[in-house]
Amino acid sequence: MFDVIVDSAGGDGFASLIELTRPGGGIVFFGATTGNPNGLDLRKCFFRQINVLGTSIGSPADFSGMIQFVDRHRLVPVVDRVFPLVAAKAALRHMEAGAQFGKIVLATN
């Protein structure tokens, strides 16, 4: 179980994040690229005292702090798949299918 989960996708997968959050933990979300969640059981949030916080991406100072944090802790994003730029439509179809785990990357070379 996780203390804090940061989500930018939303969609139906959001409900599963509640199951992955420890009691008293939190979910922070700042996007909904896969839409609004269906079947979200809010009772699980309040029975387990999970904090759900919606936020914007933040200020330039926030971004700088995030970059420093990522550098200090050597965080590396999970990449699901890399598509050449000419296959952008295929990348969008892959994202719309919602089967990815991690980032979808468009590469120029």
PDB file of N, CA and C in Angstrom:
ATOM      1  N   MET A   1       0.838  -1.182   0.000  1.00  0.00           N
ATOM      2  CA  MET A   1       0.000   0.000   0.000  1.00  0.00           C
ATOM      3  C   MET A   1       0.886   1.250   0.000  1.00  0.00           C
ATOM      4  N   PHE A   2       0.340   2.305  -0.585  1.00  0.00           N
ATOM      5  CA  PHE A   2       1.094   3.548  -0.738  1.00  0.00           C
ATOM      6  C   PHE A   2       0.591   4.616   0.225  1.00  0.00           C
ATOM      7  N   ASP A   3       1.512   5.439   0.713  1.00  0.00           N
ATOM      8  CA  ASP A   3       1.138   6.567   1.567  1.00  0.00           C
ATOM      9  C   ASP A   3       0.460   7.655   0.749  1.00  0.00           C
ATOM     10  N   VAL A   4       1.031   7.964  -0.416  1.00  0.00           N
ATOM     11  CA  VAL A   4       0.499   9.006  -1.290  1.00  0.00           C
ATOM     12  C   VAL A   4       0.595   8.527  -2.734  1.00  0.00           C
ATOM     13  N   ILE A   5      -0.466   8.764  -3.491  1.00  0.00           N
ATOM     14  CA  ILE A   5      -0.482   8.459  -4.917  1.00  0.00           C
ATOM     15  C   ILE A   5      -0.759   9.759  -5.651  1.00  0.00           C
ATOM     16  N   VAL A   6       0.021  10.035  -6.699  1.00  0.00           N
ATOM     17  CA  VAL A   6      -0.187  11.210  -7.549  1.00  0.00           C
ATOM     18  C   VAL A   6      -0.693  10.704  -8.891  1.00  0.00           C
ATOM     19  N   ASP A   7      -1.850  11.217  -9.316  1.00  0.00           N
ATOM     20  CA  ASP A   7      -2.484  10.729 -10.536  1.00  0.00           C
ATOM     21  C   ASP A   7      -2.795  11.875 -11.477  1.00  0.00           C
ATOM     22  N   SER A   8      -2.504  11.682 -12.759  1.00  0.00           N
ATOM     23  CA  SER A   8      -2.846  12.689 -13.760  1.00  0.00           C
ATOM     24  C   SER A   8      -3.824  12.159 -14.792  1.00  0.00           C
ATOM     25  N   ALA A   9      -4.254  10.913 -14.637  1.00  0.00           N
ATOM     26  CA  ALA A   9      -5.095  10.292 -15.656  1.00  0.00           C
ATOM     27  C   ALA A   9      -6.579  10.318 -15.317  1.00  0.00           C
ATOM     28  N   GLY A  10      -6.939  10.062 -14.060  1.00  0.00           N
ATOM     29  CA  GLY A  10      -8.355   9.973 -13.709  1.00  0.00           C
ATOM     30  C   GLY A  10      -8.971   8.725 -14.299  1.00  0.00           C
ATOM     31  N   GLY A  11     -10.160   8.859 -14.859  1.00  0.00           N
ATOM     32  CA  GLY A  11     -10.835   7.733 -15.503  1.00  0.00           C
ATOM     33  C   GLY A  11     -11.208   6.634 -14.538  1.00  0.00           C
ATOM     34  N   ASP A  12     -11.629   5.512 -15.117  1.00  0.00           N
ATOM     35  CA  ASP A  12     -12.105   4.399 -14.292  1.00  0.00           C
ATOM     36  C   ASP A  12     -11.017   3.798 -13.420  1.00  0.00           C
ATOM     37  N   GLY A  13      -9.746   3.948 -13.793  1.00  0.00           N
ATOM     38  CA  GLY A  13      -8.655   3.445 -12.972  1.00  0.00           C
ATOM     39  C   GLY A  13      -8.502   4.176 -11.647  1.00  0.00           C
ATOM     40  N   PHE A  14      -9.111   5.361 -11.548  1.00  0.00           N
ATOM     41  CA  PHE A  14      -8.995   6.149 -10.317  1.00  0.00           C
ATOM     42  C   PHE A  14      -9.559   5.383  -9.125  1.00  0.00           C
ATOM     43  N   ALA A  15     -10.655   4.661  -9.324  1.00  0.00           N
ATOM     44  CA  ALA A  15     -11.271   3.913  -8.221  1.00  0.00           C
ATOM     45  C   ALA A  15     -10.304   2.891  -7.638  1.00  0.00           C
ATOM     46  N   SER A  16      -9.465   2.287  -8.475  1.00  0.00           N
ATOM     47  CA  SER A  16      -8.517   1.290  -7.971  1.00  0.00           C
ATOM     48  C   SER A  16      -7.430   1.918  -7.111  1.00  0.00           C
ATOM     49  N   LEU A  17      -7.192   3.228  -7.282  1.00  0.00           N
ATOM     50  CA  LEU A  17      -6.179   3.895  -6.465  1.00  0.00           C
ATOM     51  C   LEU A  17      -6.577   3.903  -4.997  1.00  0.00           C
ATOM     52  N   ILE A  18      -7.859   3.948  -4.732  1.00  0.00           N
ATOM     53  CA  ILE A  18      -8.340   3.923  -3.344  1.00  0.00           C
ATOM     54  C   ILE A  18      -7.905   2.625  -2.666  1.00  0.00           C
ATOM     55  N   GLU A  19      -7.979   1.517  -3.408  1.00  0.00           N
ATOM     56  CA  GLU A  19      -7.563   0.219  -2.862  1.00  0.00           C
ATOM     57  C   GLU A  19      -6.068   0.160  -2.604  1.00  0.00           C
ATOM     58  N   LEU A  20      -5.291   0.960  -3.341  1.00  0.00           N
ATOM     59  CA  LEU A  20      -3.831   0.936  -3.226  1.00  0.00           C
ATOM     60  C   LEU A  20      -3.298   1.919  -2.190  1.00  0.00           C
ATOM     61  N   THR A  21      -4.172   2.759  -1.650  1.00  0.00           N
ATOM     62  CA  THR A  21      -3.768   3.780  -0.677  1.00  0.00           C
ATOM     63  C   THR A  21      -3.966   3.245   0.732  1.00  0.00           C
ATOM     64  N   ARG A  22      -2.944   3.400   1.552  1.00  0.00           N
ATOM     65  CA  ARG A  22      -3.055   2.904   2.930  1.00  0.00           C
ATOM     66  C   ARG A  22      -4.091   3.729   3.692  1.00  0.00           C
ATOM     67  N   PRO A  23      -4.721   3.149   4.708  1.00  0.00           N
ATOM     68  CA  PRO A  23      -5.630   3.951   5.537  1.00  0.00           C
ATOM     69  C   PRO A  23      -4.902   5.176   6.086  1.00  0.00           C
ATOM     70  N   GLY A  24      -5.539   6.324   5.955  1.00  0.00           N
ATOM     71  CA  GLY A  24      -4.940   7.582   6.380  1.00  0.00           C
ATOM     72  C   GLY A  24      -4.050   8.217   5.329  1.00  0.00           C
ATOM     73  N   GLY A  25      -3.869   7.554   4.198  1.00  0.00           N
ATOM     74  CA  GLY A  25      -3.023   8.069   3.125  1.00  0.00           C
ATOM     75  C   GLY A  25      -3.765   9.059   2.247  1.00  0.00           C
ATOM     76  N   GLY A  26      -3.186   9.367   1.098  1.00  0.00           N
ATOM     77  CA  GLY A  26      -3.797  10.368   0.244  1.00  0.00           C
ATOM     78  C   GLY A  26      -3.609  10.113  -1.236  1.00  0.00           C
ATOM     79  N   ILE A  27      -4.524  10.665  -2.007  1.00  0.00           N
ATOM     80  CA  ILE A  27      -4.446  10.660  -3.464  1.00  0.00           C
ATOM     81  C   ILE A  27      -4.505  12.108  -3.912  1.00  0.00           C
ATOM     82  N   VAL A  28      -3.523  12.521  -4.704  1.00  0.00           N
ATOM     83  CA  VAL A  28      -3.492  13.867  -5.274  1.00  0.00           C
ATOM     84  C   VAL A  28      -3.658  13.709  -6.777  1.00  0.00           C
ATOM     85  N   PHE A  29      -4.609  14.453  -7.351  1.00  0.00           N
ATOM     86  CA  PHE A  29      -4.778  14.362  -8.795  1.00  0.00           C
ATOM     87  C   PHE A  29      -4.790  15.748  -9.406  1.00  0.00           C
ATOM     88  N   PHE A  30      -4.269  15.817 -10.636  1.00  0.00           N
ATOM     89  CA  PHE A  30      -4.171  17.107 -11.310  1.00  0.00           C
ATOM     90  C   PHE A  30      -4.555  17.025 -12.773  1.00  0.00           C
ATOM     91  N   GLY A  31      -5.240  15.978 -13.145  1.00  0.00           N
ATOM     92  CA  GLY A  31      -5.665  15.846 -14.530  1.00  0.00           C
ATOM     93  C   GLY A  31      -6.697  14.758 -14.660  1.00  0.00           C
ATOM     94  N   ALA A  32      -7.279  14.696 -15.841  1.00  0.00           N
ATOM     95  CA  ALA A  32      -8.278  13.665 -16.124  1.00  0.00           C
ATOM     96  C   ALA A  32      -8.192  13.291 -17.602  1.00  0.00           C
ATOM     97  N   THR A  33      -6.993  12.916 -18.050  1.00  0.00           N
ATOM     98  CA  THR A  33      -6.805  12.611 -19.468  1.00  0.00           C
ATOM     99  C   THR A  33      -7.632  11.423 -19.925  1.00  0.00           C
ATOM    100  N   THR A  34      -8.014  10.540 -19.003  1.00  0.00           N
ATOM    101  CA  THR A  34      -8.858   9.406 -19.382  1.00  0.00           C
ATOM    102  C   THR A  34     -10.300   9.596 -18.937  1.00  0.00           C
ATOM    103  N   GLY A  35     -10.661  10.821 -18.540  1.00  0.00           N
ATOM    104  CA  GLY A  35     -12.059  11.133 -18.225  1.00  0.00           C
ATOM    105  C   GLY A  35     -12.387  11.032 -16.756  1.00  0.00           C
ATOM    106  N   ASN A  36     -13.682  11.103 -16.476  1.00  0.00           N
ATOM    107  CA  ASN A  36     -14.183  11.005 -15.105  1.00  0.00           C
ATOM    108  C   ASN A  36     -14.348   9.545 -14.712  1.00  0.00           C
ATOM    109  N   PRO A  37     -14.117   9.220 -13.423  1.00  0.00           N
ATOM    110  CA  PRO A  37     -14.255   7.827 -12.988  1.00  0.00           C
ATOM    111  C   PRO A  37     -15.725   7.414 -12.852  1.00  0.00           C
ATOM    112  N   ASN A  38     -16.029   6.229 -13.325  1.00  0.00           N
ATOM    113  CA  ASN A  38     -17.334   5.608 -13.084  1.00  0.00           C
ATOM    114  C   ASN A  38     -17.189   4.651 -11.909  1.00  0.00           C
ATOM    115  N   GLY A  39     -18.238   4.474 -11.156  1.00  0.00           N
ATOM    116  CA  GLY A  39     -18.223   3.481 -10.084  1.00  0.00           C
ATOM    117  C   GLY A  39     -17.305   3.811  -8.930  1.00  0.00           C
ATOM    118  N   LEU A  40     -17.086   5.087  -8.671  1.00  0.00           N
ATOM    119  CA  LEU A  40     -16.216   5.490  -7.564  1.00  0.00           C
ATOM    120  C   LEU A  40     -16.989   5.342  -6.253  1.00  0.00           C
ATOM    121  N   ASP A  41     -16.507   4.464  -5.370  1.00  0.00           N
ATOM    122  CA  ASP A  41     -17.159   4.214  -4.085  1.00  0.00           C
ATOM    123  C   ASP A  41     -16.569   5.151  -3.032  1.00  0.00           C
ATOM    124  N   LEU A  42     -17.227   6.272  -2.823  1.00  0.00           N
ATOM    125  CA  LEU A  42     -16.719   7.270  -1.873  1.00  0.00           C
ATOM    126  C   LEU A  42     -16.664   6.758  -0.442  1.00  0.00           C
ATOM    127  N   ARG A  43     -17.494   5.778  -0.101  1.00  0.00           N
ATOM    128  CA  ARG A  43     -17.472   5.237   1.266  1.00  0.00           C
ATOM    129  C   ARG A  43     -16.103   4.673   1.615  1.00  0.00           C
ATOM    130  N   LYS A  44     -15.426   4.094   0.625  1.00  0.00           N
ATOM    131  CA  LYS A  44     -14.088   3.551   0.891  1.00  0.00           C
ATOM    132  C   LYS A  44     -13.126   4.658   1.286  1.00  0.00           C
ATOM    133  N   CYS A  45     -13.339   5.850   0.753  1.00  0.00           N
ATOM    134  CA  CYS A  45     -12.473   6.977   1.116  1.00  0.00           C
ATOM    135  C   CYS A  45     -12.686   7.388   2.560  1.00  0.00           C
ATOM    136  N   PHE A  46     -13.950   7.555   2.956  1.00  0.00           N
ATOM    137  CA  PHE A  46     -14.126   8.055   4.320  1.00  0.00           C
ATOM    138  C   PHE A  46     -14.002   6.973   5.376  1.00  0.00           C
ATOM    139  N   PHE A  47     -14.333   5.722   5.082  1.00  0.00           N
ATOM    140  CA  PHE A  47     -14.129   4.661   6.078  1.00  0.00           C
ATOM    141  C   PHE A  47     -12.641   4.445   6.347  1.00  0.00           C
ATOM    142  N   ARG A  48     -11.823   4.590   5.310  1.00  0.00           N
ATOM    143  CA  ARG A  48     -10.376   4.390   5.447  1.00  0.00           C
ATOM    144  C   ARG A  48      -9.648   5.706   5.675  1.00  0.00           C
ATOM    145  N   GLN A  49     -10.389   6.810   5.776  1.00  0.00           N
ATOM    146  CA  GLN A  49      -9.843   8.151   6.025  1.00  0.00           C
ATOM    147  C   GLN A  49      -8.753   8.513   5.013  1.00  0.00           C
ATOM    148  N   ILE A  50      -9.084   8.310   3.732  1.00  0.00           N
ATOM    149  CA  ILE A  50      -8.170   8.649   2.652  1.00  0.00           C
ATOM    150  C   ILE A  50      -8.452  10.079   2.215  1.00  0.00           C
ATOM    151  N   ASN A  51      -7.411  10.884   2.128  1.00  0.00           N
ATOM    152  CA  ASN A  51      -7.540  12.264   1.672  1.00  0.00           C
ATOM    153  C   ASN A  51      -7.417  12.298   0.152  1.00  0.00           C
ATOM    154  N   VAL A  52      -8.362  12.950  -0.504  1.00  0.00           N
ATOM    155  CA  VAL A  52      -8.334  13.112  -1.953  1.00  0.00           C
ATOM    156  C   VAL A  52      -8.233  14.606  -2.222  1.00  0.00           C
ATOM    157  N   LEU A  53      -7.187  15.004  -2.948  1.00  0.00           N
ATOM    158  CA  LEU A  53      -6.923  16.413  -3.193  1.00  0.00           C
ATOM    159  C   LEU A  53      -6.751  16.661  -4.682  1.00  0.00           C
ATOM    160  N   GLY A  54      -7.577  17.529  -5.218  1.00  0.00           N
ATOM    161  CA  GLY A  54      -7.406  17.977  -6.595  1.00  0.00           C
ATOM    162  C   GLY A  54      -6.593  19.259  -6.595  1.00  0.00           C
ATOM    163  N   THR A  55      -5.687  19.378  -7.545  1.00  0.00           N
ATOM    164  CA  THR A  55      -4.821  20.544  -7.576  1.00  0.00           C
ATOM    165  C   THR A  55      -4.441  20.880  -9.014  1.00  0.00           C
ATOM    166  N   SER A  56      -3.961  22.079  -9.204  1.00  0.00           N
ATOM    167  CA  SER A  56      -3.386  22.437 -10.495  1.00  0.00           C
ATOM    168  C   SER A  56      -1.925  22.015 -10.485  1.00  0.00           C
ATOM    169  N   ILE A  57      -1.275  22.155 -11.584  1.00  0.00           N
ATOM    170  CA  ILE A  57       0.104  21.676 -11.680  1.00  0.00           C
ATOM    171  C   ILE A  57       1.058  22.492 -10.817  1.00  0.00           C
ATOM    172  N   GLY A  58       0.808  23.766 -10.596  1.00  0.00           N
ATOM    173  CA  GLY A  58       1.639  24.543  -9.684  1.00  0.00           C
ATOM    174  C   GLY A  58       2.364  25.695 -10.347  1.00  0.00           C
ATOM    175  N   SER A  59       3.147  26.379  -9.541  1.00  0.00           N
ATOM    176  CA  SER A  59       3.869  27.576  -9.957  1.00  0.00           C
ATOM    177  C   SER A  59       5.255  27.217 -10.512  1.00  0.00           C
ATOM    178  N   PRO A  60       5.952  28.188 -11.114  1.00  0.00           N
ATOM    179  CA  PRO A  60       7.340  27.927 -11.541  1.00  0.00           C
ATOM    180  C   PRO A  60       8.238  27.489 -10.372  1.00  0.00           C
ATOM    181  N   ALA A  61       8.016  28.038  -9.191  1.00  0.00           N
ATOM    182  CA  ALA A  61       8.812  27.632  -8.022  1.00  0.00           C
ATOM    183  C   ALA A  61       8.503  26.172  -7.645  1.00  0.00           C
ATOM    184  N   ASP A  62       7.234  25.793  -7.750  1.00  0.00           N
ATOM    185  CA  ASP A  62       6.864  24.400  -7.488  1.00  0.00           C
ATOM    186  C   ASP A  62       7.562  23.469  -8.476  1.00  0.00           C
ATOM    187  N   PHE A  63       7.569  23.871  -9.749  1.00  0.00           N
ATOM    188  CA  PHE A  63       8.205  23.055 -10.784  1.00  0.00           C
ATOM    189  C   PHE A  63       9.700  22.903 -10.505  1.00  0.00           C
ATOM    190  N   SER A  64      10.345  23.988 -10.127  1.00  0.00           N
ATOM    191  CA  SER A  64      11.767  23.944  -9.800  1.00  0.00           C
ATOM    192  C   SER A  64      12.019  23.000  -8.624  1.00  0.00           C
ATOM    193  N   GLY A  65      11.175  23.083  -7.601  1.00  0.00           N
ATOM    194  CA  GLY A  65      11.312  22.189  -6.450  1.00  0.00           C
ATOM    195  C   GLY A  65      11.118  20.737  -6.836  1.00  0.00           C
ATOM    196  N   MET A  66      10.183  20.483  -7.752  1.00  0.00           N
ATOM    197  CA  MET A  66       9.947  19.120  -8.212  1.00  0.00           C
ATOM    198  C   MET A  66      11.178  18.592  -8.952  1.00  0.00           C
ATOM    199  N   ILE A  67      11.759  19.419  -9.819  1.00  0.00           N
ATOM    200  CA  ILE A  67      12.947  19.004 -10.572  1.00  0.00           C
ATOM    201  C   ILE A  67      14.088  18.671  -9.608  1.00  0.00           C
ATOM    202  N   GLN A  68      14.276  19.483  -8.586  1.00  0.00           N
ATOM    203  CA  GLN A  68      15.317  19.219  -7.600  1.00  0.00           C
ATOM    204  C   GLN A  68      15.049  17.912  -6.854  1.00  0.00           C
ATOM    205  N   PHE A  69      13.785  17.674  -6.493  1.00  0.00           N
ATOM    206  CA  PHE A  69      13.401  16.447  -5.793  1.00  0.00           C
ATOM    207  C   PHE A  69      13.683  15.223  -6.665  1.00  0.00           C
ATOM    208  N   VAL A  70      13.271  15.296  -7.939  1.00  0.00           N
ATOM    209  CA  VAL A  70      13.489  14.184  -8.868  1.00  0.00           C
ATOM    210  C   VAL A  70      14.981  13.921  -9.023  1.00  0.00           C
ATOM    211  N   ASP A  71      15.770  14.970  -9.151  1.00  0.00           N
ATOM    212  CA  ASP A  71      17.213  14.823  -9.298  1.00  0.00           C
ATOM    213  C   ASP A  71      17.840  14.234  -8.042  1.00  0.00           C
ATOM    214  N   ARG A  72      17.461  14.759  -6.884  1.00  0.00           N
ATOM    215  CA  ARG A  72      18.038  14.308  -5.610  1.00  0.00           C
ATOM    216  C   ARG A  72      17.728  12.830  -5.354  1.00  0.00           C
ATOM    217  N   HIS A  73      16.509  12.401  -5.685  1.00  0.00           N
ATOM    218  CA  HIS A  73      16.091  11.021  -5.407  1.00  0.00           C
ATOM    219  C   HIS A  73      16.252  10.093  -6.613  1.00  0.00           C
ATOM    220  N   ARG A  74      16.794  10.652  -7.705  1.00  0.00           N
ATOM    221  CA  ARG A  74      17.068   9.882  -8.922  1.00  0.00           C
ATOM    222  C   ARG A  74      15.839   9.122  -9.413  1.00  0.00           C
ATOM    223  N   LEU A  75      14.708   9.817  -9.445  1.00  0.00           N
ATOM    224  CA  LEU A  75      13.468   9.209  -9.918  1.00  0.00           C
ATOM    225  C   LEU A  75      13.479   9.116 -11.442  1.00  0.00           C
ATOM    226  N   VAL A  76      13.009   8.012 -11.947  1.00  0.00           N
ATOM    227  CA  VAL A  76      12.952   7.784 -13.388  1.00  0.00           C
ATOM    228  C   VAL A  76      11.512   7.381 -13.727  1.00  0.00           C
ATOM    229  N   PRO A  77      10.899   8.060 -14.699  1.00  0.00           N
ATOM    230  CA  PRO A  77       9.519   7.696 -15.035  1.00  0.00           C
ATOM    231  C   PRO A  77       9.442   6.313 -15.688  1.00  0.00           C
ATOM    232  N   VAL A  78       8.318   5.661 -15.487  1.00  0.00           N
ATOM    233  CA  VAL A  78       8.055   4.381 -16.140  1.00  0.00           C
ATOM    234  C   VAL A  78       7.570   4.688 -17.555  1.00  0.00           C
ATOM    235  N   VAL A  79       8.223   4.115 -18.546  1.00  0.00           N
ATOM    236  CA  VAL A  79       7.831   4.313 -19.940  1.00  0.00           C
ATOM    237  C   VAL A  79       7.165   3.036 -20.432  1.00  0.00           C
ATOM    238  N   ASP A  80       5.923   3.166 -20.850  1.00  0.00           N
ATOM    239  CA  ASP A  80       5.175   2.025 -21.374  1.00  0.00           C
ATOM    240  C   ASP A  80       5.631   1.681 -22.781  1.00  0.00           C
ATOM    241  N   ARG A  81       5.692   2.721 -23.624  1.00  0.00           N
ATOM    242  CA  ARG A  81       6.009   2.468 -25.034  1.00  0.00           C
ATOM    243  C   ARG A  81       6.504   3.750 -25.689  1.00  0.00           C
ATOM    244  N   VAL A  82       7.425   3.603 -26.641  1.00  0.00           N
ATOM    245  CA  VAL A  82       7.949   4.734 -27.407  1.00  0.00           C
ATOM    246  C   VAL A  82       7.461   4.597 -28.852  1.00  0.00           C
ATOM    247  N   PHE A  83       6.844   5.657 -29.366  1.00  0.00           N
ATOM    248  CA  PHE A  83       6.372   5.703 -30.748  1.00  0.00           C
ATOM    249  C   PHE A  83       7.186   6.750 -31.504  1.00  0.00           C
ATOM    250  N   PRO A  84       7.498   6.489 -32.780  1.00  0.00           N
ATOM    251  CA  PRO A  84       8.092   7.574 -33.572  1.00  0.00           C
ATOM    252  C   PRO A  84       7.033   8.653 -33.792  1.00  0.00           C
ATOM    253  N   LEU A  85       7.467   9.883 -33.965  1.00  0.00           N
ATOM    254  CA  LEU A  85       6.547  11.003 -34.129  1.00  0.00           C
ATOM    255  C   LEU A  85       5.563  10.765 -35.273  1.00  0.00           C
ATOM    256  N   VAL A  86       6.009  10.111 -36.325  1.00  0.00           N
ATOM    257  CA  VAL A  86       5.129   9.862 -37.468  1.00  0.00           C
ATOM    258  C   VAL A  86       3.991   8.890 -37.115  1.00  0.00           C
ATOM    259  N   ALA A  87       4.104   8.201 -35.984  1.00  0.00           N
ATOM    260  CA  ALA A  87       3.067   7.268 -35.533  1.00  0.00           C
ATOM    261  C   ALA A  87       2.237   7.859 -34.395  1.00  0.00           C
ATOM    262  N   ALA A  88       2.116   9.188 -34.368  1.00  0.00           N
ATOM    263  CA  ALA A  88       1.381   9.856 -33.287  1.00  0.00           C
ATOM    264  C   ALA A  88      -0.061   9.370 -33.188  1.00  0.00           C
ATOM    265  N   LYS A  89      -0.701   9.100 -34.317  1.00  0.00           N
ATOM    266  CA  LYS A  89      -2.085   8.598 -34.276  1.00  0.00           C
ATOM    267  C   LYS A  89      -2.150   7.245 -33.582  1.00  0.00           C
ATOM    268  N   ALA A  90      -1.189   6.384 -33.841  1.00  0.00           N
ATOM    269  CA  ALA A  90      -1.142   5.084 -33.172  1.00  0.00           C
ATOM    270  C   ALA A  90      -0.917   5.261 -31.673  1.00  0.00           C
ATOM    271  N   ALA A  91      -0.086   6.233 -31.310  1.00  0.00           N
ATOM    272  CA  ALA A  91       0.160   6.508 -29.888  1.00  0.00           C
ATOM    273  C   ALA A  91      -1.133   6.974 -29.207  1.00  0.00           C
ATOM    274  N   LEU A  92      -1.887   7.816 -29.878  1.00  0.00           N
ATOM    275  CA  LEU A  92      -3.167   8.280 -29.314  1.00  0.00           C
ATOM    276  C   LEU A  92      -4.150   7.119 -29.171  1.00  0.00           C
ATOM    277  N   ARG A  93      -4.197   6.245 -30.146  1.00  0.00           N
ATOM    278  CA  ARG A  93      -5.083   5.068 -30.036  1.00  0.00           C
ATOM    279  C   ARG A  93      -4.645   4.190 -28.869  1.00  0.00           C
ATOM    280  N   HIS A  94      -3.351   4.039 -28.694  1.00  0.00           N
ATOM    281  CA  HIS A  94      -2.818   3.252 -27.573  1.00  0.00           C
ATOM    282  C   HIS A  94      -3.252   3.880 -26.242  1.00  0.00           C
ATOM    283  N   MET A  95      -3.154   5.214 -26.142  1.00  0.00           N
ATOM    284  CA  MET A  95      -3.568   5.910 -24.924  1.00  0.00           C
ATOM    285  C   MET A  95      -5.072   5.782 -24.701  1.00  0.00           C
ATOM    286  N   GLU A  96      -5.856   5.938 -25.762  1.00  0.00           N
ATOM    287  CA  GLU A  96      -7.313   5.830 -25.634  1.00  0.00           C
ATOM    288  C   GLU A  96      -7.742   4.443 -25.183  1.00  0.00           C
ATOM    289  N   ALA A  97      -6.974   3.412 -25.553  1.00  0.00           N
ATOM    290  CA  ALA A  97      -7.291   2.051 -25.124  1.00  0.00           C
ATOM    291  C   ALA A  97      -7.097   1.887 -23.623  1.00  0.00           C
ATOM    292  N   GLY A  98      -6.273   2.756 -23.019  1.00  0.00           N
ATOM    293  CA  GLY A  98      -6.072   2.743 -21.566  1.00  0.00           C
ATOM    294  C   GLY A  98      -5.338   1.519 -21.048  1.00  0.00           C
ATOM    295  N   ALA A  99      -4.606   0.833 -21.895  1.00  0.00           N
ATOM    296  CA  ALA A  99      -3.922  -0.380 -21.469  1.00  0.00           C
ATOM    297  C   ALA A  99      -2.488  -0.136 -21.030  1.00  0.00           C
ATOM    298  N   GLN A 100      -2.019   1.096 -21.127  1.00  0.00           N
ATOM    299  CA  GLN A 100      -0.617   1.367 -20.817  1.00  0.00           C
ATOM    300  C   GLN A 100      -0.393   1.410 -19.307  1.00  0.00           C
ATOM    301  N   PHE A 101       0.859   1.165 -18.947  1.00  0.00           N
ATOM    302  CA  PHE A 101       1.311   1.378 -17.574  1.00  0.00           C
ATOM    303  C   PHE A 101       2.521   2.270 -17.690  1.00  0.00           C
ATOM    304  N   GLY A 102       2.363   3.519 -17.378  1.00  0.00           N
ATOM    305  CA  GLY A 102       3.463   4.461 -17.498  1.00  0.00           C
ATOM    306  C   GLY A 102       3.225   5.425 -18.640  1.00  0.00           C
ATOM    307  N   LYS A 103       4.291   6.088 -19.020  1.00  0.00           N
ATOM    308  CA  LYS A 103       4.223   7.149 -20.025  1.00  0.00           C
ATOM    309  C   LYS A 103       4.290   6.585 -21.432  1.00  0.00           C
ATOM    310  N   ILE A 104       3.618   7.294 -22.333  1.00  0.00           N
ATOM    311  CA  ILE A 104       3.723   7.027 -23.761  1.00  0.00           C
ATOM    312  C   ILE A 104       4.578   8.154 -24.328  1.00  0.00           C
ATOM    313  N   VAL A 105       5.633   7.796 -25.033  1.00  0.00           N
ATOM    314  CA  VAL A 105       6.607   8.772 -25.510  1.00  0.00           C
ATOM    315  C   VAL A 105       6.547   8.863 -27.029  1.00  0.00           C
ATOM    316  N   LEU A 106       6.587  10.101 -27.537  1.00  0.00           N
ATOM    317  CA  LEU A 106       6.748  10.351 -28.974  1.00  0.00           C
ATOM    318  C   LEU A 106       8.186  10.783 -29.198  1.00  0.00           C
ATOM    319  N   ALA A 107       8.905  10.060 -30.055  1.00  0.00           N
ATOM    320  CA  ALA A 107      10.318  10.339 -30.308  1.00  0.00           C
ATOM    321  C   ALA A 107      10.493  10.907 -31.704  1.00  0.00           C
ATOM    322  N   THR A 108      11.404  11.881 -31.843  1.00  0.00           N
ATOM    323  CA  THR A 108      11.629  12.517 -33.128  1.00  0.00           C
ATOM    324  C   THR A 108      12.695  11.824 -33.961  1.00  0.00           C
ATOM    325  N   ASN A 109      13.376  10.856 -33.396  1.00  0.00           N
ATOM    326  CA  ASN A 109      14.402  10.180 -34.192  1.00  0.00           C
ATOM    327  C   ASN A 109      14.140   8.704 -34.282  1.00  0.00           C
TER     328      ASN A 109
END
